[in-house]
């Protein structure tokens, strides 16, 4: 198809068939603008839903971490108590062994 000038001809109108083409292009532009507007609204709604889900997940995760920290604190306290108990048994056993050895070797 040969190139057609876009500017109006000296007779005042566009070449034949140009007005129909321009009308079709204008309709395409309106349809495209409406479609882009719908896409943006759907995207905004999707982003809002995702942000809400992330907020709920963050709150849930925060509660779960607090629960885990509480349980770890209890485990740590039990471990300290167990450690002290074992250390006491070891020291008592060692002192008892020294006493038996001192008696056996007549050190006392």
N, C-alpha and C. Protein backbone atom coordinates (compact mmCIF):
# COMPACT_ATOMS: atom_id res chain seq x y z
N UNK A 1 0.86 -1.17 0.00
CA UNK A 1 0.00 0.00 0.00
C UNK A 1 0.91 1.23 0.00
N UNK A 2 0.66 2.13 -0.87
CA UNK A 2 1.50 3.33 -0.94
C UNK A 2 1.26 4.22 0.29
N UNK A 3 2.29 4.98 0.66
CA UNK A 3 2.15 5.90 1.79
C UNK A 3 1.15 6.98 1.45
N UNK A 4 0.32 7.28 2.43
CA UNK A 4 -0.66 8.36 2.25
C UNK A 4 -0.28 9.48 3.21
N UNK A 5 -0.38 10.70 2.77
CA UNK A 5 -0.04 11.81 3.68
C UNK A 5 -1.06 11.89 4.81
N UNK A 6 -0.58 12.25 6.00
CA UNK A 6 -1.46 12.38 7.15
C UNK A 6 -2.10 13.76 7.16
N UNK A 7 -1.38 14.71 6.66
CA UNK A 7 -1.90 16.07 6.67
C UNK A 7 -3.05 16.20 5.68
N UNK A 8 -3.96 17.10 6.00
CA UNK A 8 -5.07 17.30 5.06
C UNK A 8 -4.56 17.79 3.70
N UNK A 9 -5.24 17.38 2.69
CA UNK A 9 -4.89 17.83 1.34
C UNK A 9 -5.40 19.26 1.16
N UNK A 10 -4.92 19.94 0.15
CA UNK A 10 -5.36 21.32 -0.06
C UNK A 10 -6.87 21.44 -0.24
N UNK A 11 -7.53 20.37 -0.61
CA UNK A 11 -8.98 20.44 -0.81
C UNK A 11 -9.72 20.52 0.52
N UNK A 12 -9.00 20.28 1.64
CA UNK A 12 -9.62 20.45 2.94
C UNK A 12 -9.90 19.15 3.67
N UNK A 13 -9.98 18.02 3.01
CA UNK A 13 -10.28 16.76 3.68
C UNK A 13 -9.13 15.79 3.53
N UNK A 14 -9.24 14.70 4.21
CA UNK A 14 -8.23 13.65 4.07
C UNK A 14 -8.50 12.88 2.79
N UNK A 15 -7.50 12.15 2.29
CA UNK A 15 -7.75 11.33 1.11
C UNK A 15 -8.84 10.31 1.41
N UNK A 16 -9.43 9.78 0.39
CA UNK A 16 -10.55 8.86 0.56
C UNK A 16 -10.12 7.65 1.38
N UNK A 17 -10.95 7.23 2.29
CA UNK A 17 -10.67 6.08 3.12
C UNK A 17 -9.85 6.43 4.36
N UNK A 18 -9.23 7.60 4.40
CA UNK A 18 -8.39 7.97 5.54
C UNK A 18 -9.25 8.23 6.77
N UNK A 19 -10.40 8.84 6.60
CA UNK A 19 -11.26 9.14 7.76
C UNK A 19 -11.71 7.85 8.44
N UNK A 20 -12.00 6.83 7.67
CA UNK A 20 -12.41 5.55 8.24
C UNK A 20 -11.24 4.92 9.00
N UNK A 21 -10.06 5.04 8.43
CA UNK A 21 -8.88 4.48 9.11
C UNK A 21 -8.60 5.21 10.43
N UNK A 22 -8.72 6.52 10.40
CA UNK A 22 -8.50 7.31 11.61
C UNK A 22 -9.55 6.95 12.66
N UNK A 23 -10.78 6.75 12.23
CA UNK A 23 -11.85 6.38 13.16
C UNK A 23 -11.56 5.03 13.80
N UNK A 24 -11.07 4.10 13.01
CA UNK A 24 -10.73 2.78 13.55
C UNK A 24 -9.57 2.91 14.55
N UNK A 25 -8.55 3.69 14.21
CA UNK A 25 -7.43 3.90 15.12
C UNK A 25 -7.88 4.57 16.42
N UNK A 26 -8.79 5.54 16.32
CA UNK A 26 -9.31 6.20 17.52
C UNK A 26 -10.08 5.20 18.39
N UNK A 27 -10.84 4.33 17.74
CA UNK A 27 -11.58 3.31 18.50
C UNK A 27 -10.62 2.34 19.18
N UNK A 28 -9.58 1.95 18.47
CA UNK A 28 -8.57 1.07 19.07
C UNK A 28 -7.91 1.76 20.27
N UNK A 29 -7.62 3.04 20.14
CA UNK A 29 -7.00 3.79 21.24
C UNK A 29 -7.94 3.84 22.45
N UNK A 30 -9.24 4.08 22.22
CA UNK A 30 -10.21 4.10 23.34
C UNK A 30 -10.32 2.73 24.00
N UNK A 31 -10.38 1.69 23.19
CA UNK A 31 -10.49 0.33 23.72
C UNK A 31 -9.24 -0.03 24.52
N UNK A 32 -8.07 0.35 23.98
CA UNK A 32 -6.81 0.06 24.67
C UNK A 32 -6.74 0.80 26.00
N UNK A 33 -7.15 2.06 26.01
CA UNK A 33 -7.13 2.84 27.25
C UNK A 33 -8.08 2.21 28.28
N UNK A 34 -9.27 1.78 27.84
CA UNK A 34 -10.21 1.15 28.78
C UNK A 34 -9.65 -0.17 29.31
N UNK A 35 -9.04 -0.94 28.42
CA UNK A 35 -8.46 -2.22 28.85
C UNK A 35 -7.32 -2.00 29.85
N UNK A 36 -6.47 -1.02 29.59
CA UNK A 36 -5.39 -0.71 30.52
C UNK A 36 -5.93 -0.26 31.88
N UNK A 37 -7.00 0.50 31.86
CA UNK A 37 -7.62 0.95 33.10
C UNK A 37 -8.15 -0.24 33.90
N UNK A 38 -8.82 -1.19 33.22
CA UNK A 38 -9.32 -2.39 33.90
C UNK A 38 -8.16 -3.22 34.45
N UNK A 39 -7.09 -3.36 33.68
CA UNK A 39 -5.93 -4.12 34.13
C UNK A 39 -5.33 -3.47 35.37
N UNK A 40 -5.20 -2.15 35.37
CA UNK A 40 -4.64 -1.45 36.53
C UNK A 40 -5.51 -1.64 37.78
N UNK A 41 -6.84 -1.58 37.61
CA UNK A 41 -7.72 -1.77 38.76
C UNK A 41 -7.60 -3.19 39.30
N UNK A 42 -7.55 -4.19 38.41
CA UNK A 42 -7.39 -5.57 38.86
C UNK A 42 -6.03 -5.77 39.54
N UNK A 43 -5.01 -5.16 38.99
CA UNK A 43 -3.68 -5.27 39.58
C UNK A 43 -3.66 -4.62 40.96
N UNK A 44 -4.27 -3.46 41.09
CA UNK A 44 -4.33 -2.80 42.40
C UNK A 44 -5.07 -3.66 43.41
N UNK A 45 -6.18 -4.29 43.00
CA UNK A 45 -6.93 -5.16 43.89
C UNK A 45 -6.10 -6.38 44.28
N UNK A 46 -5.37 -6.93 43.33
CA UNK A 46 -4.51 -8.10 43.61
C UNK A 46 -3.40 -7.73 44.58
N UNK A 47 -2.79 -6.59 44.38
CA UNK A 47 -1.72 -6.14 45.27
C UNK A 47 -2.27 -5.94 46.67
N UNK A 48 -3.47 -5.37 46.79
CA UNK A 48 -4.09 -5.16 48.10
C UNK A 48 -4.34 -6.50 48.80
N UNK A 49 -4.85 -7.49 48.05
CA UNK A 49 -5.09 -8.81 48.65
C UNK A 49 -3.78 -9.46 49.08
N UNK A 50 -2.75 -9.34 48.28
CA UNK A 50 -1.45 -9.91 48.62
C UNK A 50 -0.89 -9.24 49.87
N UNK A 51 -1.02 -7.91 49.96
CA UNK A 51 -0.53 -7.21 51.15
C UNK A 51 -1.28 -7.65 52.40
N UNK A 52 -2.59 -7.86 52.28
CA UNK A 52 -3.37 -8.33 53.43
C UNK A 52 -2.91 -9.72 53.86
N UNK A 53 -2.69 -10.60 52.90
CA UNK A 53 -2.22 -11.95 53.21
C UNK A 53 -0.85 -11.91 53.88
N UNK A 54 0.03 -11.05 53.37
CA UNK A 54 1.36 -10.92 53.97
C UNK A 54 1.27 -10.39 55.40
N UNK A 55 0.37 -9.44 55.64
CA UNK A 55 0.20 -8.92 56.99
C UNK A 55 -0.27 -10.01 57.94
N UNK A 56 -1.24 -10.83 57.48
CA UNK A 56 -1.73 -11.92 58.32
C UNK A 56 -0.62 -12.94 58.57
N UNK A 57 0.15 -13.25 57.54
CA UNK A 57 1.25 -14.21 57.69
C UNK A 57 2.31 -13.68 58.64
N UNK A 58 2.59 -12.38 58.56
CA UNK A 58 3.58 -11.78 59.44
C UNK A 58 3.12 -11.84 60.89
N UNK A 59 1.84 -11.54 61.14
CA UNK A 59 1.32 -11.60 62.51
C UNK A 59 1.37 -13.03 63.03
N UNK A 60 1.00 -13.97 62.19
CA UNK A 60 1.02 -15.37 62.59
C UNK A 60 2.45 -15.83 62.88
N UNK A 61 3.38 -15.41 62.06
CA UNK A 61 4.77 -15.78 62.25
C UNK A 61 5.31 -15.17 63.54
N UNK A 62 4.92 -13.93 63.81
CA UNK A 62 5.39 -13.27 65.04
C UNK A 62 4.90 -14.04 66.27
N UNK A 63 3.63 -14.46 66.27
CA UNK A 63 3.08 -15.22 67.39
C UNK A 63 3.81 -16.55 67.52
N UNK A 64 4.07 -17.20 66.41
CA UNK A 64 4.76 -18.50 66.44
C UNK A 64 6.18 -18.35 66.99
N UNK A 65 6.90 -17.30 66.58
CA UNK A 65 8.24 -17.07 67.10
C UNK A 65 8.23 -16.79 68.60
N UNK A 66 7.22 -16.07 69.08
CA UNK A 66 7.12 -15.83 70.52
C UNK A 66 6.91 -17.14 71.26
N UNK A 67 6.08 -18.01 70.71
CA UNK A 67 5.84 -19.32 71.31
C UNK A 67 7.13 -20.15 71.34
N UNK A 68 7.87 -20.12 70.25
CA UNK A 68 9.13 -20.86 70.18
C UNK A 68 10.12 -20.31 71.19
N UNK A 69 10.22 -18.97 71.30
CA UNK A 69 11.14 -18.38 72.26
C UNK A 69 10.78 -18.78 73.69
N UNK A 70 9.49 -18.84 73.99
CA UNK A 70 9.06 -19.25 75.32
C UNK A 70 9.47 -20.69 75.60
N UNK A 71 9.25 -21.55 74.62
CA UNK A 71 9.62 -22.97 74.79
C UNK A 71 11.13 -23.13 74.92
N UNK A 72 11.89 -22.38 74.12
CA UNK A 72 13.35 -22.46 74.22
C UNK A 72 13.85 -21.96 75.58
N UNK A 73 13.19 -20.94 76.11
CA UNK A 73 13.55 -20.46 77.44
C UNK A 73 13.33 -21.52 78.50
N UNK A 74 12.21 -22.24 78.39
CA UNK A 74 11.94 -23.32 79.34
C UNK A 74 12.97 -24.45 79.19
N UNK A 75 13.31 -24.78 77.97
CA UNK A 75 14.30 -25.84 77.72
C UNK A 75 15.65 -25.42 78.28
N UNK A 76 16.02 -24.15 78.09
CA UNK A 76 17.29 -23.65 78.59
C UNK A 76 17.33 -23.70 80.11
N UNK A 77 16.23 -23.33 80.76
CA UNK A 77 16.18 -23.37 82.22
C UNK A 77 16.32 -24.81 82.72
N UNK A 78 15.66 -25.74 82.05
CA UNK A 78 15.78 -27.16 82.43
C UNK A 78 17.21 -27.66 82.21
N UNK A 79 17.83 -27.23 81.13
CA UNK A 79 19.20 -27.66 80.84
C UNK A 79 20.14 -27.14 81.91
N UNK A 80 19.94 -25.89 82.35
CA UNK A 80 20.80 -25.35 83.42
C UNK A 80 20.63 -26.15 84.70
N UNK A 81 19.37 -26.47 85.03
CA UNK A 81 19.11 -27.25 86.24
C UNK A 81 19.74 -28.63 86.13
N UNK A 82 19.60 -29.27 84.96
CA UNK A 82 20.21 -30.59 84.76
C UNK A 82 21.72 -30.50 84.85
N UNK A 83 22.29 -29.46 84.29
CA UNK A 83 23.74 -29.28 84.31
C UNK A 83 24.24 -29.15 85.75
N UNK A 84 23.55 -28.37 86.54
CA UNK A 84 23.96 -28.20 87.94
C UNK A 84 23.85 -29.53 88.70
N UNK A 85 22.81 -30.27 88.42
CA UNK A 85 22.60 -31.56 89.10
C UNK A 85 23.74 -32.53 88.75
N UNK A 86 24.07 -32.61 87.46
CA UNK A 86 25.14 -33.51 87.02
C UNK A 86 26.47 -33.05 87.60
N UNK A 87 26.71 -31.75 87.61
CA UNK A 87 27.96 -31.24 88.17
C UNK A 87 28.05 -31.57 89.67
N UNK A 88 26.95 -31.45 90.37
CA UNK A 88 26.94 -31.81 91.79
C UNK A 88 27.23 -33.28 92.01
N UNK A 89 26.64 -34.14 91.19
CA UNK A 89 26.89 -35.58 91.29
C UNK A 89 28.37 -35.88 91.03
N UNK A 90 28.93 -35.27 89.99
CA UNK A 90 30.34 -35.51 89.66
C UNK A 90 31.27 -35.05 90.79
N UNK A 91 31.04 -33.86 91.32
CA UNK A 91 31.88 -33.36 92.40
C UNK A 91 31.73 -34.20 93.66
N UNK A 92 30.50 -34.59 93.97
CA UNK A 92 30.28 -35.45 95.14
C UNK A 92 30.94 -36.80 94.98
N UNK A 93 30.84 -37.36 93.80
CA UNK A 93 31.48 -38.65 93.53
C UNK A 93 32.98 -38.56 93.62
N UNK A 94 33.53 -37.46 93.08
CA UNK A 94 34.98 -37.27 93.14
C UNK A 94 35.45 -37.11 94.58
N UNK A 95 34.70 -36.33 95.36
CA UNK A 95 35.06 -36.15 96.78
C UNK A 95 34.96 -37.48 97.52
N UNK A 96 33.93 -38.25 97.21
CA UNK A 96 33.79 -39.57 97.83
C UNK A 96 34.93 -40.49 97.45
N UNK A 97 35.32 -40.46 96.19
CA UNK A 97 36.43 -41.28 95.73
C UNK A 97 37.73 -40.88 96.42
N UNK A 98 37.95 -39.59 96.57
CA UNK A 98 39.14 -39.13 97.28
C UNK A 98 39.12 -39.61 98.73
N UNK A 99 37.96 -39.58 99.34
CA UNK A 99 37.85 -40.05 100.72
C UNK A 99 38.16 -41.53 100.84
N UNK A 100 37.65 -42.34 99.91
CA UNK A 100 37.93 -43.78 99.92
C UNK A 100 39.40 -44.03 99.68
N UNK A 101 39.99 -43.28 98.73
CA UNK A 101 41.42 -43.46 98.44
C UNK A 101 42.26 -43.07 99.67
N UNK A 102 41.91 -41.96 100.34
CA UNK A 102 42.66 -41.50 101.50
C UNK A 102 42.57 -42.54 102.63
N UNK A 103 41.42 -43.13 102.77
CA UNK A 103 41.26 -44.17 103.81
C UNK A 103 42.03 -45.43 103.43
N UNK A 104 41.99 -45.81 102.15
CA UNK A 104 42.65 -47.01 101.69
C UNK A 104 44.15 -46.89 101.77
N UNK A 105 44.68 -45.72 101.45
CA UNK A 105 46.13 -45.51 101.49
C UNK A 105 46.59 -45.02 102.86
N UNK A 106 45.71 -45.00 103.79
CA UNK A 106 46.00 -44.58 105.16
C UNK A 106 46.52 -43.15 105.24
N UNK A 107 45.96 -42.32 104.41
CA UNK A 107 46.34 -40.90 104.46
C UNK A 107 45.60 -40.22 105.60
N UNK A 108 44.51 -40.79 105.98
CA UNK A 108 43.73 -40.20 107.06
C UNK A 108 43.77 -41.05 108.28
